[in-house]
N, C-alpha and C. Protein backbone atom coordinates (compact mmCIF):
# COMPACT_ATOMS: atom_id res chain seq x y z
N MET A 1 23.68 9.20 55.47
CA MET A 1 22.64 9.94 56.19
C MET A 1 21.27 9.45 55.73
N MET A 2 20.40 9.25 56.70
CA MET A 2 19.05 8.81 56.41
C MET A 2 18.08 9.98 56.51
N ILE A 3 16.88 9.77 56.04
CA ILE A 3 15.90 10.86 56.02
C ILE A 3 15.52 11.29 57.43
N HIS A 4 15.59 10.34 58.39
CA HIS A 4 15.21 10.70 59.75
C HIS A 4 16.33 11.46 60.46
N ASP A 5 17.55 11.50 59.83
CA ASP A 5 18.65 12.24 60.42
C ASP A 5 18.60 13.73 60.05
N VAL A 6 17.79 14.09 59.08
CA VAL A 6 17.68 15.50 58.69
C VAL A 6 16.85 16.22 59.72
N THR A 7 17.44 17.22 60.29
CA THR A 7 16.74 17.96 61.34
C THR A 7 15.81 18.99 60.74
N ALA A 8 14.98 19.51 61.56
CA ALA A 8 14.05 20.55 61.10
C ALA A 8 14.79 21.84 60.76
N LEU A 9 16.01 22.02 61.37
CA LEU A 9 16.77 23.24 61.09
C LEU A 9 17.32 23.24 59.67
N ALA A 10 17.54 22.02 59.11
CA ALA A 10 18.07 21.96 57.75
C ALA A 10 17.04 22.42 56.72
N GLY A 11 15.79 22.30 57.05
CA GLY A 11 14.74 22.72 56.13
C GLY A 11 14.33 21.60 55.18
N ALA A 12 13.13 21.71 54.65
CA ALA A 12 12.59 20.67 53.76
C ALA A 12 12.94 20.93 52.31
N HIS A 13 13.43 22.14 52.00
CA HIS A 13 13.69 22.48 50.60
C HIS A 13 15.14 22.91 50.44
N LYS A 14 15.71 22.57 49.31
CA LYS A 14 17.07 22.94 49.01
C LYS A 14 17.07 24.20 48.16
N LYS A 15 18.01 25.10 48.42
CA LYS A 15 18.06 26.35 47.69
C LYS A 15 18.56 26.11 46.27
N ARG A 16 18.09 26.96 45.36
CA ARG A 16 18.51 26.88 43.96
C ARG A 16 19.98 27.26 43.84
N LYS A 17 20.69 26.56 42.97
CA LYS A 17 22.09 26.86 42.74
C LYS A 17 22.20 28.18 41.96
N ARG A 18 22.92 29.12 42.51
CA ARG A 18 23.11 30.42 41.86
C ARG A 18 24.38 30.36 41.03
N ILE A 19 24.22 30.57 39.74
CA ILE A 19 25.35 30.47 38.83
C ILE A 19 25.74 31.85 38.34
N GLY A 20 26.95 31.96 37.83
CA GLY A 20 27.42 33.22 37.28
C GLY A 20 27.70 34.26 38.35
N ARG A 21 28.21 33.83 39.50
CA ARG A 21 28.48 34.77 40.58
C ARG A 21 29.96 34.79 40.94
N GLY A 22 30.79 34.60 39.94
CA GLY A 22 32.23 34.70 40.18
C GLY A 22 32.88 33.34 40.36
N PRO A 23 34.21 33.29 40.17
CA PRO A 23 34.94 32.02 40.29
C PRO A 23 34.87 31.42 41.69
N GLY A 24 34.73 32.25 42.71
CA GLY A 24 34.72 31.72 44.06
C GLY A 24 33.50 30.90 44.39
N SER A 25 32.42 31.06 43.63
CA SER A 25 31.19 30.32 43.92
C SER A 25 31.24 28.88 43.45
N GLY A 26 32.23 28.54 42.63
CA GLY A 26 32.32 27.17 42.11
C GLY A 26 31.63 27.01 40.77
N THR A 27 30.70 27.86 40.44
CA THR A 27 30.00 27.80 39.15
C THR A 27 29.96 29.21 38.57
N GLY A 28 31.13 29.82 38.48
CA GLY A 28 31.13 31.22 38.08
C GLY A 28 31.51 31.47 36.66
N LYS A 29 32.70 31.04 36.24
CA LYS A 29 33.23 31.50 34.96
C LYS A 29 32.37 31.06 33.77
N ARG A 30 32.06 29.75 33.70
CA ARG A 30 31.26 29.26 32.58
C ARG A 30 29.88 28.78 33.02
N SER A 31 29.57 28.92 34.27
CA SER A 31 28.22 28.68 34.80
C SER A 31 27.71 27.27 34.52
N GLY A 32 28.60 26.30 34.49
CA GLY A 32 28.16 24.91 34.30
C GLY A 32 27.75 24.56 32.90
N ARG A 33 28.02 25.44 31.93
CA ARG A 33 27.60 25.20 30.55
C ARG A 33 28.73 24.68 29.67
N GLY A 34 29.89 24.44 30.20
CA GLY A 34 31.00 23.99 29.40
C GLY A 34 31.65 25.14 28.67
N GLN A 35 32.45 24.82 27.67
CA GLN A 35 33.21 25.84 26.96
C GLN A 35 32.76 25.93 25.50
N LYS A 36 32.19 27.04 25.13
CA LYS A 36 31.76 27.35 23.77
C LYS A 36 30.71 26.35 23.26
N GLY A 37 30.33 26.55 22.04
CA GLY A 37 29.34 25.68 21.43
C GLY A 37 27.94 26.19 21.62
N ALA A 38 26.98 25.51 20.93
CA ALA A 38 25.59 25.93 20.99
C ALA A 38 25.01 25.78 22.39
N GLY A 39 25.51 24.79 23.14
CA GLY A 39 24.95 24.57 24.47
C GLY A 39 25.30 25.65 25.46
N SER A 40 26.34 26.42 25.17
CA SER A 40 26.70 27.49 26.10
C SER A 40 25.96 28.79 25.82
N ARG A 41 25.26 28.84 24.68
CA ARG A 41 24.50 30.06 24.33
C ARG A 41 23.07 29.97 24.83
N SER A 42 22.45 31.12 24.91
CA SER A 42 21.04 31.15 25.32
C SER A 42 20.16 30.83 24.11
N GLY A 43 18.98 30.28 24.38
CA GLY A 43 18.04 29.97 23.31
C GLY A 43 18.23 28.62 22.67
N THR A 44 19.19 27.85 23.13
CA THR A 44 19.39 26.53 22.53
C THR A 44 18.44 25.51 23.15
N SER A 45 18.07 24.51 22.37
CA SER A 45 17.19 23.44 22.86
C SER A 45 17.52 22.17 22.09
N THR A 46 17.28 21.03 22.68
CA THR A 46 17.56 19.73 22.08
C THR A 46 16.31 18.87 22.17
N ARG A 47 16.03 18.13 21.09
CA ARG A 47 14.90 17.20 21.11
C ARG A 47 15.10 16.16 22.20
N PHE A 48 14.03 15.81 22.86
CA PHE A 48 14.16 14.91 24.00
C PHE A 48 14.61 13.52 23.55
N GLN A 49 14.33 13.15 22.28
CA GLN A 49 14.74 11.83 21.81
C GLN A 49 16.10 11.86 21.12
N TYR A 50 16.78 12.99 21.13
CA TYR A 50 18.09 13.09 20.48
C TYR A 50 19.12 12.31 21.29
N GLU A 51 19.90 11.48 20.59
CA GLU A 51 20.86 10.60 21.26
C GLU A 51 22.27 10.86 20.76
N GLY A 52 22.59 12.11 20.53
CA GLY A 52 23.95 12.46 20.15
C GLY A 52 24.30 12.11 18.72
N GLY A 53 23.33 11.86 17.88
CA GLY A 53 23.61 11.55 16.49
C GLY A 53 23.50 10.08 16.15
N GLN A 54 23.48 9.20 17.15
CA GLN A 54 23.33 7.78 16.85
C GLN A 54 21.87 7.48 16.51
N MET A 55 21.60 6.30 15.99
CA MET A 55 20.25 5.93 15.59
C MET A 55 19.33 5.94 16.82
N PRO A 56 18.24 6.73 16.78
CA PRO A 56 17.37 6.83 17.96
C PRO A 56 16.76 5.48 18.32
N TYR A 57 16.37 5.39 19.56
CA TYR A 57 15.84 4.12 20.07
C TYR A 57 14.57 3.71 19.35
N PHE A 58 13.69 4.67 19.08
CA PHE A 58 12.41 4.31 18.46
C PHE A 58 12.59 3.88 17.00
N ARG A 59 13.72 4.27 16.39
CA ARG A 59 13.98 3.82 15.02
C ARG A 59 14.71 2.48 15.01
N ARG A 60 15.27 2.08 16.12
CA ARG A 60 15.91 0.77 16.22
C ARG A 60 14.89 -0.33 16.50
N LEU A 61 13.70 0.03 16.94
CA LEU A 61 12.68 -0.97 17.23
C LEU A 61 12.06 -1.46 15.93
N PRO A 62 11.70 -2.72 15.83
CA PRO A 62 11.07 -3.23 14.60
C PRO A 62 9.64 -2.72 14.46
N LYS A 63 9.23 -2.56 13.22
CA LYS A 63 7.85 -2.14 12.97
C LYS A 63 6.92 -3.33 13.19
N PHE A 64 5.71 -3.03 13.61
CA PHE A 64 4.74 -4.09 13.83
C PHE A 64 3.36 -3.53 13.55
N GLY A 65 2.40 -4.42 13.43
CA GLY A 65 1.04 -4.00 13.13
C GLY A 65 0.56 -4.65 11.85
N PHE A 66 -0.64 -4.28 11.42
CA PHE A 66 -1.26 -4.90 10.24
C PHE A 66 -0.65 -4.34 8.97
N THR A 67 -0.45 -5.21 7.99
CA THR A 67 0.01 -4.80 6.67
C THR A 67 -0.56 -5.75 5.63
N ASN A 68 -0.80 -5.22 4.45
CA ASN A 68 -1.33 -6.03 3.35
C ASN A 68 -0.24 -6.71 2.55
N ALA A 69 1.02 -6.54 2.94
CA ALA A 69 2.12 -7.09 2.16
C ALA A 69 2.05 -8.62 2.08
N ARG A 70 1.58 -9.25 3.14
CA ARG A 70 1.54 -10.72 3.14
C ARG A 70 0.46 -11.27 2.21
N PHE A 71 -0.49 -10.42 1.80
CA PHE A 71 -1.57 -10.86 0.92
C PHE A 71 -1.29 -10.53 -0.55
N LYS A 72 -0.09 -10.02 -0.84
CA LYS A 72 0.27 -9.69 -2.22
C LYS A 72 0.44 -10.96 -3.04
N THR A 73 -0.09 -10.95 -4.25
CA THR A 73 0.01 -12.11 -5.13
C THR A 73 1.27 -11.99 -5.97
N ARG A 74 2.14 -12.97 -5.87
CA ARG A 74 3.38 -13.01 -6.65
C ARG A 74 3.25 -14.09 -7.73
N PHE A 75 3.50 -13.70 -8.97
CA PHE A 75 3.35 -14.60 -10.11
C PHE A 75 4.72 -15.05 -10.61
N TRP A 76 4.69 -16.22 -11.28
CA TRP A 76 5.79 -16.57 -12.18
C TRP A 76 5.45 -15.93 -13.51
N ILE A 77 6.29 -15.03 -14.00
CA ILE A 77 6.01 -14.28 -15.23
C ILE A 77 6.87 -14.83 -16.36
N VAL A 78 6.18 -15.15 -17.47
CA VAL A 78 6.87 -15.68 -18.65
C VAL A 78 6.40 -14.89 -19.87
N ASN A 79 7.33 -14.48 -20.72
CA ASN A 79 7.00 -13.79 -21.96
C ASN A 79 6.79 -14.80 -23.09
N LEU A 80 5.91 -14.41 -24.02
CA LEU A 80 5.69 -15.28 -25.18
C LEU A 80 6.97 -15.45 -26.00
N ARG A 81 7.82 -14.44 -25.98
CA ARG A 81 9.09 -14.52 -26.71
C ARG A 81 9.93 -15.69 -26.22
N ASP A 82 9.95 -15.89 -24.89
CA ASP A 82 10.72 -17.00 -24.33
C ASP A 82 10.08 -18.34 -24.63
N ILE A 83 8.74 -18.36 -24.66
CA ILE A 83 8.04 -19.61 -24.94
C ILE A 83 8.26 -20.03 -26.39
N VAL A 84 8.09 -19.07 -27.30
CA VAL A 84 8.25 -19.39 -28.73
C VAL A 84 9.68 -19.78 -29.05
N GLY A 85 10.65 -19.15 -28.37
CA GLY A 85 12.05 -19.45 -28.66
C GLY A 85 12.56 -20.74 -28.05
N HIS A 86 11.74 -21.40 -27.23
CA HIS A 86 12.18 -22.65 -26.63
C HIS A 86 11.91 -23.82 -27.58
N PRO A 87 12.81 -24.80 -27.65
CA PRO A 87 12.60 -25.94 -28.58
C PRO A 87 11.34 -26.74 -28.29
N ASP A 88 10.91 -26.82 -27.02
CA ASP A 88 9.72 -27.61 -26.70
C ASP A 88 8.45 -27.01 -27.28
N PHE A 89 8.46 -25.70 -27.57
CA PHE A 89 7.25 -25.03 -28.08
C PHE A 89 7.50 -24.45 -29.47
N ALA A 90 8.40 -25.03 -30.21
CA ALA A 90 8.71 -24.50 -31.54
C ALA A 90 7.53 -24.64 -32.49
N ARG A 91 6.71 -25.70 -32.30
CA ARG A 91 5.55 -25.92 -33.17
C ARG A 91 4.24 -25.70 -32.44
N GLY A 92 4.28 -24.95 -31.37
CA GLY A 92 3.06 -24.73 -30.59
C GLY A 92 2.92 -25.75 -29.49
N GLY A 93 1.69 -25.98 -29.09
CA GLY A 93 1.42 -26.96 -28.05
C GLY A 93 0.74 -26.32 -26.86
N GLU A 94 0.64 -27.11 -25.79
CA GLU A 94 -0.04 -26.64 -24.57
C GLU A 94 0.97 -25.97 -23.65
N VAL A 95 0.59 -24.77 -23.21
CA VAL A 95 1.44 -24.00 -22.31
C VAL A 95 0.74 -23.95 -20.95
N SER A 96 1.33 -24.57 -19.97
CA SER A 96 0.80 -24.57 -18.61
C SER A 96 1.97 -24.53 -17.64
N THR A 97 1.64 -24.50 -16.38
CA THR A 97 2.70 -24.48 -15.37
C THR A 97 3.55 -25.74 -15.44
N ALA A 98 2.90 -26.89 -15.62
CA ALA A 98 3.64 -28.16 -15.66
C ALA A 98 4.58 -28.20 -16.87
N SER A 99 4.08 -27.77 -18.05
CA SER A 99 4.93 -27.83 -19.24
C SER A 99 6.07 -26.83 -19.17
N LEU A 100 5.83 -25.67 -18.53
CA LEU A 100 6.88 -24.67 -18.40
C LEU A 100 7.94 -25.10 -17.38
N VAL A 101 7.51 -25.80 -16.34
CA VAL A 101 8.46 -26.34 -15.36
C VAL A 101 9.34 -27.39 -16.03
N LYS A 102 8.72 -28.24 -16.87
CA LYS A 102 9.47 -29.27 -17.58
C LYS A 102 10.48 -28.66 -18.55
N ALA A 103 10.09 -27.52 -19.16
CA ALA A 103 10.98 -26.85 -20.11
C ALA A 103 12.04 -26.01 -19.42
N GLY A 104 11.88 -25.78 -18.14
CA GLY A 104 12.86 -25.00 -17.39
C GLY A 104 12.62 -23.50 -17.44
N LEU A 105 11.45 -23.07 -17.92
CA LEU A 105 11.14 -21.64 -17.97
C LEU A 105 10.54 -21.13 -16.67
N VAL A 106 10.04 -22.05 -15.84
CA VAL A 106 9.47 -21.72 -14.53
C VAL A 106 10.09 -22.65 -13.51
N ARG A 107 10.35 -22.13 -12.33
CA ARG A 107 11.05 -22.93 -11.32
C ARG A 107 10.18 -24.05 -10.80
N ASP A 108 8.97 -23.71 -10.32
CA ASP A 108 8.09 -24.73 -9.75
C ASP A 108 6.66 -24.21 -9.83
N ASP A 109 5.74 -24.90 -9.15
CA ASP A 109 4.33 -24.51 -9.18
C ASP A 109 3.90 -23.86 -7.87
N SER A 110 4.84 -23.25 -7.16
CA SER A 110 4.50 -22.62 -5.89
C SER A 110 3.78 -21.29 -6.07
N ARG A 111 3.85 -20.71 -7.27
CA ARG A 111 3.20 -19.43 -7.54
C ARG A 111 2.28 -19.57 -8.75
N PRO A 112 1.27 -18.71 -8.84
CA PRO A 112 0.44 -18.72 -10.06
C PRO A 112 1.23 -18.22 -11.26
N LEU A 113 0.77 -18.58 -12.43
CA LEU A 113 1.47 -18.27 -13.67
C LEU A 113 0.81 -17.09 -14.37
N LYS A 114 1.65 -16.21 -14.92
CA LYS A 114 1.17 -15.08 -15.71
C LYS A 114 1.97 -15.02 -17.00
N VAL A 115 1.26 -14.99 -18.13
CA VAL A 115 1.89 -14.97 -19.45
C VAL A 115 1.73 -13.58 -20.03
N LEU A 116 2.84 -13.00 -20.47
CA LEU A 116 2.85 -11.67 -21.07
C LEU A 116 3.17 -11.76 -22.55
N GLY A 117 2.88 -10.67 -23.28
CA GLY A 117 3.14 -10.63 -24.72
C GLY A 117 4.59 -10.30 -25.00
N GLY A 118 4.81 -9.69 -26.16
CA GLY A 118 6.17 -9.31 -26.54
C GLY A 118 6.86 -10.36 -27.38
N VAL A 119 6.30 -10.66 -28.53
CA VAL A 119 6.88 -11.68 -29.40
C VAL A 119 7.89 -11.06 -30.36
N GLY A 120 7.58 -9.89 -30.87
CA GLY A 120 8.47 -9.25 -31.83
C GLY A 120 7.77 -9.02 -33.16
N GLU A 121 8.55 -8.63 -34.16
CA GLU A 121 7.98 -8.29 -35.47
C GLU A 121 7.52 -9.53 -36.23
N ASP A 122 8.11 -10.67 -35.97
CA ASP A 122 7.75 -11.89 -36.71
C ASP A 122 6.37 -12.40 -36.35
N GLY A 123 5.88 -12.02 -35.19
CA GLY A 123 4.58 -12.49 -34.75
C GLY A 123 4.68 -13.87 -34.12
N LEU A 124 3.52 -14.47 -33.89
CA LEU A 124 3.45 -15.76 -33.22
C LEU A 124 3.30 -16.86 -34.26
N LYS A 125 4.22 -17.80 -34.27
CA LYS A 125 4.18 -18.93 -35.20
C LYS A 125 3.83 -20.19 -34.42
N GLY A 126 2.76 -20.83 -34.81
CA GLY A 126 2.32 -22.02 -34.12
C GLY A 126 1.02 -21.77 -33.37
N ARG A 127 0.35 -22.85 -33.07
CA ARG A 127 -0.94 -22.77 -32.37
C ARG A 127 -0.72 -23.22 -30.93
N PHE A 128 -1.08 -22.33 -30.00
CA PHE A 128 -0.84 -22.60 -28.58
C PHE A 128 -2.15 -22.68 -27.82
N THR A 129 -2.17 -23.55 -26.85
CA THR A 129 -3.29 -23.63 -25.90
C THR A 129 -2.72 -23.25 -24.53
N VAL A 130 -3.03 -22.05 -24.11
CA VAL A 130 -2.44 -21.51 -22.89
C VAL A 130 -3.42 -21.67 -21.74
N LYS A 131 -2.95 -22.29 -20.67
CA LYS A 131 -3.74 -22.45 -19.44
C LYS A 131 -2.94 -21.84 -18.30
N ALA A 132 -3.38 -20.68 -17.84
CA ALA A 132 -2.65 -19.96 -16.80
C ALA A 132 -3.64 -19.17 -15.96
N GLU A 133 -3.13 -18.71 -14.80
CA GLU A 133 -3.99 -17.90 -13.92
C GLU A 133 -4.26 -16.52 -14.52
N ARG A 134 -3.24 -15.96 -15.18
CA ARG A 134 -3.40 -14.64 -15.80
C ARG A 134 -2.72 -14.64 -17.16
N VAL A 135 -3.35 -13.97 -18.12
CA VAL A 135 -2.77 -13.75 -19.45
C VAL A 135 -3.05 -12.31 -19.82
N SER A 136 -2.02 -11.59 -20.22
CA SER A 136 -2.21 -10.18 -20.57
C SER A 136 -3.04 -10.05 -21.83
N ALA A 137 -3.58 -8.84 -22.04
CA ALA A 137 -4.45 -8.60 -23.20
C ALA A 137 -3.67 -8.74 -24.50
N SER A 138 -2.43 -8.26 -24.52
CA SER A 138 -1.63 -8.37 -25.75
C SER A 138 -1.29 -9.83 -26.06
N ALA A 139 -0.99 -10.61 -25.02
CA ALA A 139 -0.68 -12.03 -25.24
C ALA A 139 -1.91 -12.79 -25.72
N ARG A 140 -3.07 -12.48 -25.15
CA ARG A 140 -4.31 -13.13 -25.57
C ARG A 140 -4.60 -12.83 -27.05
N LYS A 141 -4.38 -11.59 -27.44
CA LYS A 141 -4.64 -11.20 -28.82
C LYS A 141 -3.72 -11.96 -29.79
N LEU A 142 -2.46 -12.10 -29.43
CA LEU A 142 -1.52 -12.81 -30.28
C LEU A 142 -1.84 -14.30 -30.37
N ILE A 143 -2.19 -14.91 -29.21
CA ILE A 143 -2.46 -16.35 -29.18
C ILE A 143 -3.72 -16.68 -29.97
N GLU A 144 -4.79 -15.92 -29.72
CA GLU A 144 -6.04 -16.18 -30.44
C GLU A 144 -5.93 -15.80 -31.91
N GLY A 145 -5.10 -14.80 -32.22
CA GLY A 145 -4.88 -14.46 -33.62
C GLY A 145 -4.15 -15.53 -34.39
N GLY A 146 -3.34 -16.33 -33.69
CA GLY A 146 -2.63 -17.44 -34.33
C GLY A 146 -3.41 -18.73 -34.35
N GLY A 147 -4.70 -18.68 -33.95
CA GLY A 147 -5.54 -19.87 -33.97
C GLY A 147 -5.53 -20.66 -32.68
N GLY A 148 -4.88 -20.14 -31.66
CA GLY A 148 -4.83 -20.85 -30.38
C GLY A 148 -5.98 -20.44 -29.46
N SER A 149 -5.91 -20.89 -28.23
CA SER A 149 -6.95 -20.60 -27.24
C SER A 149 -6.30 -20.27 -25.91
N VAL A 150 -7.04 -19.51 -25.10
CA VAL A 150 -6.56 -19.06 -23.80
C VAL A 150 -7.60 -19.40 -22.75
N VAL A 151 -7.18 -20.01 -21.67
CA VAL A 151 -8.05 -20.32 -20.53
C VAL A 151 -7.39 -19.73 -19.29
N GLU A 152 -8.02 -18.72 -18.72
CA GLU A 152 -7.51 -18.09 -17.51
C GLU A 152 -8.31 -18.59 -16.31
N SER A 153 -7.61 -19.19 -15.37
CA SER A 153 -8.30 -19.68 -14.17
C SER A 153 -8.47 -18.60 -13.13
N GLY A 154 -7.66 -17.54 -13.19
CA GLY A 154 -7.79 -16.45 -12.23
C GLY A 154 -6.98 -16.71 -10.98
N SER A 155 -6.51 -15.64 -10.38
CA SER A 155 -5.75 -15.75 -9.15
C SER A 155 -6.68 -15.86 -7.95
N ARG A 156 -6.09 -15.98 -6.77
CA ARG A 156 -6.91 -16.05 -5.55
C ARG A 156 -7.76 -14.80 -5.39
N ARG A 157 -7.19 -13.65 -5.70
CA ARG A 157 -7.92 -12.39 -5.58
C ARG A 157 -9.10 -12.36 -6.54
N ASP A 158 -8.93 -12.88 -7.76
CA ASP A 158 -10.02 -12.91 -8.73
C ASP A 158 -11.16 -13.81 -8.24
N LYS A 159 -10.80 -14.94 -7.64
CA LYS A 159 -11.83 -15.86 -7.17
C LYS A 159 -12.60 -15.29 -5.99
N VAL A 160 -11.91 -14.56 -5.11
CA VAL A 160 -12.58 -13.95 -3.97
C VAL A 160 -13.54 -12.86 -4.43
N ARG A 161 -13.12 -12.09 -5.41
CA ARG A 161 -13.95 -10.99 -5.90
C ARG A 161 -14.98 -11.43 -6.92
N GLY A 162 -14.93 -12.69 -7.33
CA GLY A 162 -15.91 -13.19 -8.29
C GLY A 162 -15.69 -12.67 -9.69
N VAL A 163 -14.43 -12.61 -10.13
CA VAL A 163 -14.09 -12.11 -11.46
C VAL A 163 -13.87 -13.30 -12.39
N ASP A 164 -14.59 -13.32 -13.52
CA ASP A 164 -14.42 -14.35 -14.53
C ASP A 164 -13.46 -13.81 -15.59
N ARG A 165 -12.22 -14.32 -15.61
CA ARG A 165 -11.21 -13.80 -16.51
C ARG A 165 -11.46 -14.18 -17.97
N ASN A 166 -12.31 -15.18 -18.22
CA ASN A 166 -12.58 -15.62 -19.58
C ASN A 166 -13.77 -14.91 -20.20
N ALA A 167 -14.51 -14.14 -19.41
CA ALA A 167 -15.68 -13.43 -19.92
C ALA A 167 -15.29 -12.03 -20.35
N GLU A 168 -16.14 -11.43 -21.17
CA GLU A 168 -15.89 -10.05 -21.60
C GLU A 168 -16.10 -9.08 -20.44
N ASP A 169 -17.08 -9.38 -19.60
CA ASP A 169 -17.34 -8.55 -18.43
C ASP A 169 -16.51 -9.08 -17.26
N ARG A 170 -15.45 -8.37 -16.94
CA ARG A 170 -14.55 -8.80 -15.87
C ARG A 170 -14.75 -7.99 -14.60
N SER A 171 -15.90 -7.41 -14.44
CA SER A 171 -16.17 -6.66 -13.22
C SER A 171 -16.43 -7.63 -12.07
N PRO A 172 -16.05 -7.30 -10.84
CA PRO A 172 -16.25 -8.21 -9.70
C PRO A 172 -17.72 -8.39 -9.38
N LYS A 173 -18.10 -9.62 -9.13
CA LYS A 173 -19.49 -9.94 -8.80
C LYS A 173 -19.71 -10.02 -7.30
N ASN A 174 -18.69 -10.45 -6.56
CA ASN A 174 -18.81 -10.52 -5.10
C ASN A 174 -18.31 -9.20 -4.51
N LEU A 175 -19.18 -8.22 -4.53
CA LEU A 175 -18.77 -6.90 -4.06
C LEU A 175 -18.75 -6.87 -2.54
N THR A 176 -17.69 -6.31 -1.99
CA THR A 176 -17.60 -6.14 -0.55
C THR A 176 -18.35 -4.87 -0.15
N LYS A 177 -18.39 -4.61 1.15
CA LYS A 177 -19.09 -3.42 1.63
C LYS A 177 -18.44 -2.16 1.08
N LYS A 178 -17.11 -2.17 1.02
CA LYS A 178 -16.41 -0.98 0.54
C LYS A 178 -16.73 -0.72 -0.91
N LEU A 179 -16.75 -1.80 -1.74
CA LEU A 179 -17.08 -1.63 -3.14
C LEU A 179 -18.54 -1.25 -3.32
N HIS A 180 -19.40 -1.77 -2.44
CA HIS A 180 -20.82 -1.40 -2.50
C HIS A 180 -20.98 0.09 -2.27
N ARG A 181 -20.23 0.61 -1.29
CA ARG A 181 -20.35 2.04 -0.98
C ARG A 181 -19.88 2.89 -2.14
N SER A 182 -18.80 2.47 -2.79
CA SER A 182 -18.27 3.27 -3.88
C SER A 182 -19.09 3.16 -5.15
N SER A 183 -19.88 2.09 -5.29
CA SER A 183 -20.64 1.89 -6.52
C SER A 183 -22.04 2.49 -6.44
N LYS A 184 -22.44 2.96 -5.27
CA LYS A 184 -23.76 3.56 -5.15
C LYS A 184 -23.81 4.88 -5.88
N LYS A 185 -24.86 5.10 -6.61
CA LYS A 185 -25.04 6.36 -7.29
C LYS A 185 -25.85 7.31 -6.40
N ILE A 186 -25.32 8.50 -6.20
CA ILE A 186 -25.99 9.48 -5.36
C ILE A 186 -26.97 10.26 -6.22
N THR A 187 -28.26 10.15 -5.90
CA THR A 187 -29.28 10.88 -6.65
C THR A 187 -29.62 12.15 -5.91
N PRO A 188 -29.67 13.28 -6.61
CA PRO A 188 -30.00 14.54 -5.93
C PRO A 188 -31.41 14.51 -5.40
N PRO A 189 -31.64 15.12 -4.26
CA PRO A 189 -33.00 15.14 -3.71
C PRO A 189 -33.96 15.92 -4.60
N VAL A 190 -35.19 15.42 -4.72
CA VAL A 190 -36.20 16.07 -5.55
C VAL A 190 -36.89 17.14 -4.73
N ALA A 191 -36.88 18.35 -5.26
CA ALA A 191 -37.50 19.46 -4.54
C ALA A 191 -39.02 19.33 -4.60
N GLU A 192 -39.66 19.53 -3.46
CA GLU A 192 -41.11 19.44 -3.41
C GLU A 192 -41.73 20.69 -4.04
N GLU A 193 -42.76 20.44 -4.86
CA GLU A 193 -43.43 21.55 -5.52
C GLU A 193 -44.33 22.29 -4.53
N ALA A 194 -44.30 23.61 -4.65
CA ALA A 194 -45.15 24.44 -3.77
C ALA A 194 -46.60 24.30 -4.19
N PRO A 195 -47.51 24.24 -3.22
CA PRO A 195 -48.94 24.11 -3.58
C PRO A 195 -49.42 25.34 -4.35
N ALA A 196 -50.19 25.08 -5.39
CA ALA A 196 -50.69 26.19 -6.22
C ALA A 196 -51.70 27.02 -5.43
N ALA A 197 -51.69 28.32 -5.70
CA ALA A 197 -52.62 29.23 -5.01
C ALA A 197 -54.05 28.93 -5.44
N GLU A 198 -54.94 28.88 -4.48
CA GLU A 198 -56.34 28.59 -4.78
C GLU A 198 -56.98 29.76 -5.52
N ALA A 199 -57.72 29.43 -6.56
CA ALA A 199 -58.39 30.46 -7.34
C ALA A 199 -59.57 31.02 -6.54
N PRO A 200 -59.86 32.33 -6.60
CA PRO A 200 -60.99 32.91 -5.84
C PRO A 200 -62.33 32.40 -6.38
N ALA A 201 -63.25 32.31 -5.49
CA ALA A 201 -64.59 31.83 -5.88
C ALA A 201 -65.23 32.81 -6.85
N LYS A 202 -66.17 32.30 -7.65
CA LYS A 202 -66.84 33.12 -8.66
C LYS A 202 -67.69 34.20 -7.99
N GLY A 203 -67.45 35.44 -8.40
CA GLY A 203 -68.21 36.55 -7.83
C GLY A 203 -67.64 37.06 -6.53
N GLY A 204 -66.57 36.43 -6.03
CA GLY A 204 -65.97 36.86 -4.78
C GLY A 204 -65.03 38.03 -5.02
N LYS A 205 -64.63 38.69 -3.95
CA LYS A 205 -63.72 39.81 -4.02
C LYS A 205 -62.34 39.37 -3.60
N THR A 206 -61.36 39.91 -4.28
CA THR A 206 -59.97 39.63 -3.93
C THR A 206 -59.40 40.80 -3.19
N ALA A 207 -58.46 40.53 -2.30
CA ALA A 207 -57.90 41.60 -1.50
C ALA A 207 -56.96 42.47 -2.33
């Protein structure tokens, strides 16, 4: 049947289905609600995105948008305990990415190097010259206490922010707008002093 076959006598609107009017109506006994369960009771409702318990469609979609995860700096981390315990550094020497790769303590030079402390009770034996992007404060103290030296070149983040890792003042010099806003000191407004009352003229009368 096509739309032009519908006569005017049929009407433009369809009547609402009346439920619960006995078995003879076709929708009488259970009124189209099935048999038992929460769906057959009044007051029940279901979330429009509910899919019967399976993983919803919006959770199956991959996440997208901006994230800072790709800008995270990943280091090759080496402890002084491992360096001192290696035969190549038994008497000290230069510790760098190249020497650690040769010794097998670091895989390659694809990441910046970070040296951590943790030597033990015996302390540091030998004089080391450490050249790395980052050196922890405890490792620096042990190395310099043993007569060695530390040269930190800094990571990419340090260079962008203008941080000198070898100086005592390691505050960033290249402040961004966000850091500028946070570093501004808010000074309270100075209240204006009220003008002093004029003294009456000599010999004059006051009210």
